C-alpha atoms as a PDB file:
ATOM      1  CA  MET A   1     185.450 -63.403 237.344  1.00  0.00           C
ATOM      2  CA  ALA A   2     189.099 -63.499 236.440  1.00  0.00           C
ATOM      3  CA  GLN A   3     190.867 -60.218 235.998  1.00  0.00           C
ATOM      4  CA  ASP A   4     191.700 -59.460 232.412  1.00  0.00           C
ATOM      5  CA  ARG A   5     195.354 -58.487 231.706  1.00  0.00           C
ATOM      6  CA  LEU A   6     196.630 -55.791 229.460  1.00  0.00           C
ATOM      7  CA  VAL A   7     199.463 -56.692 227.107  1.00  0.00           C
ATOM      8  CA  ASN A   8     201.659 -55.053 224.450  1.00  0.00           C
ATOM      9  CA  ILE A   9     201.696 -55.956 220.719  1.00  0.00           C
ATOM     10  CA  THR A  10     204.553 -58.464 221.127  1.00  0.00           C
ATOM     11  CA  THR A  11     202.898 -60.407 223.889  1.00  0.00           C
ATOM     12  CA  LEU A  12     199.440 -60.316 222.243  1.00  0.00           C
ATOM     13  CA  ALA A  13     200.934 -61.590 219.042  1.00  0.00           C
ATOM     14  CA  ALA A  14     202.657 -64.487 220.881  1.00  0.00           C
ATOM     15  CA  ASP A  15     199.389 -65.235 222.825  1.00  0.00           C
ATOM     16  CA  ILE A  16     197.247 -65.685 219.747  1.00  0.00           C
ATOM     17  CA  GLY A  17     199.917 -67.031 217.389  1.00  0.00           C
ATOM     18  CA  VAL A  18     200.289 -64.331 214.854  1.00  0.00           C
ATOM     19  CA  ALA A  19     203.113 -61.967 213.870  1.00  0.00           C
ATOM     20  CA  PRO A  20     203.336 -58.507 215.611  1.00  0.00           C
ATOM     21  CA  ARG A  21     202.858 -56.957 212.105  1.00  0.00           C
ATOM     22  CA  THR A  22     199.476 -58.678 211.911  1.00  0.00           C
ATOM     23  CA  ILE A  23     198.401 -57.037 215.152  1.00  0.00           C
ATOM     24  CA  ARG A  24     199.483 -53.661 213.881  1.00  0.00           C
ATOM     25  CA  THR A  25     197.496 -54.231 210.708  1.00  0.00           C
ATOM     26  CA  TRP A  26     194.398 -55.168 212.699  1.00  0.00           C
ATOM     27  CA  LEU A  27     194.994 -52.110 214.971  1.00  0.00           C
ATOM     28  CA  HIS A  28     195.192 -49.605 212.075  1.00  0.00           C
ATOM     29  CA  ALA A  29     192.146 -51.285 210.423  1.00  0.00           C
ATOM     30  CA  LYS A  30     190.319 -51.050 213.826  1.00  0.00           C
ATOM     31  CA  LYS A  31     189.461 -54.747 213.865  1.00  0.00           C
ATOM     32  CA  ILE A  32     190.605 -55.153 217.473  1.00  0.00           C
ATOM     33  CA  PRO A  33     189.965 -53.048 220.534  1.00  0.00           C
ATOM     34  CA  TYR A  34     192.990 -51.262 222.120  1.00  0.00           C
ATOM     35  CA  LEU A  35     193.910 -48.710 224.759  1.00  0.00           C
ATOM     36  CA  ARG A  36     196.309 -45.920 223.693  1.00  0.00           C
ATOM     37  CA  LEU A  37     198.385 -44.575 226.539  1.00  0.00           C
ATOM     38  CA  GLY A  38     200.307 -41.541 225.166  1.00  0.00           C
ATOM     39  CA  HIS A  39     201.633 -41.269 221.669  1.00  0.00           C
ATOM     40  CA  ARG A  40     203.325 -44.631 221.232  1.00  0.00           C
ATOM     41  CA  THR A  41     202.099 -47.007 223.989  1.00  0.00           C
ATOM     42  CA  VAL A  42     199.223 -49.336 222.928  1.00  0.00           C
ATOM     43  CA  LEU A  43     197.921 -51.991 225.165  1.00  0.00           C
ATOM     44  CA  PHE A  44     195.347 -54.769 224.506  1.00  0.00           C
ATOM     45  CA  SER A  45     192.875 -56.675 226.617  1.00  0.00           C
ATOM     46  CA  THR A  46     193.481 -60.307 225.614  1.00  0.00           C
ATOM     47  CA  THR A  47     189.812 -61.196 226.396  1.00  0.00           C
ATOM     48  CA  LYS A  48     188.380 -58.346 224.308  1.00  0.00           C
ATOM     49  CA  VAL A  49     190.674 -59.004 221.424  1.00  0.00           C
ATOM     50  CA  ARG A  50     189.669 -62.702 221.358  1.00  0.00           C
ATOM     51  CA  GLU A  51     186.014 -61.705 221.481  1.00  0.00           C
ATOM     52  CA  ALA A  52     186.565 -59.310 218.549  1.00  0.00           C
ATOM     53  CA  LEU A  53     188.368 -61.950 216.504  1.00  0.00           C
ATOM     54  CA  ASP A  54     185.625 -64.453 217.136  1.00  0.00           C
ATOM     55  CA  ARG A  55     183.313 -62.204 215.226  1.00  0.00           C
ATOM     56  CA  PHE A  56     185.627 -62.530 212.136  1.00  0.00           C
ATOM     57  CA  GLU A  57     185.846 -66.237 212.343  1.00  0.00           C
ATOM     58  CA  ILE A  58     185.179 -67.881 208.940  1.00  0.00           C
ATOM     59  CA  HIS A  59     183.274 -71.175 208.969  1.00  0.00           C
ATOM     60  CA  ALA A  60     183.913 -73.718 206.194  1.00  0.00           C
ATOM     61  CA  ALA A  61     181.093 -74.248 203.745  1.00  0.00           C
ATOM     62  CA  THR A  62     179.641 -77.699 203.675  1.00  0.00           C
ATOM     63  CA  SER A  63     179.478 -79.253 200.265  1.00  0.00           C
ATOM     64  CA  LYS A  64     176.499 -81.412 199.136  1.00  0.00           C
END
């Protein structure tokens, strides 16, 4: 099993293709898992974040 890496907000945003502000919004809404180290340092597991976002994936409705 590959070892998961911990990344900061900027790196996570670049990895998944969203703005850092979006990551902060998801963080405050508790939509993604995070690890808080001290008062200001927040790290994310890229694998766990992707798994969490997969739960919120919206599938297109098929029309008849």
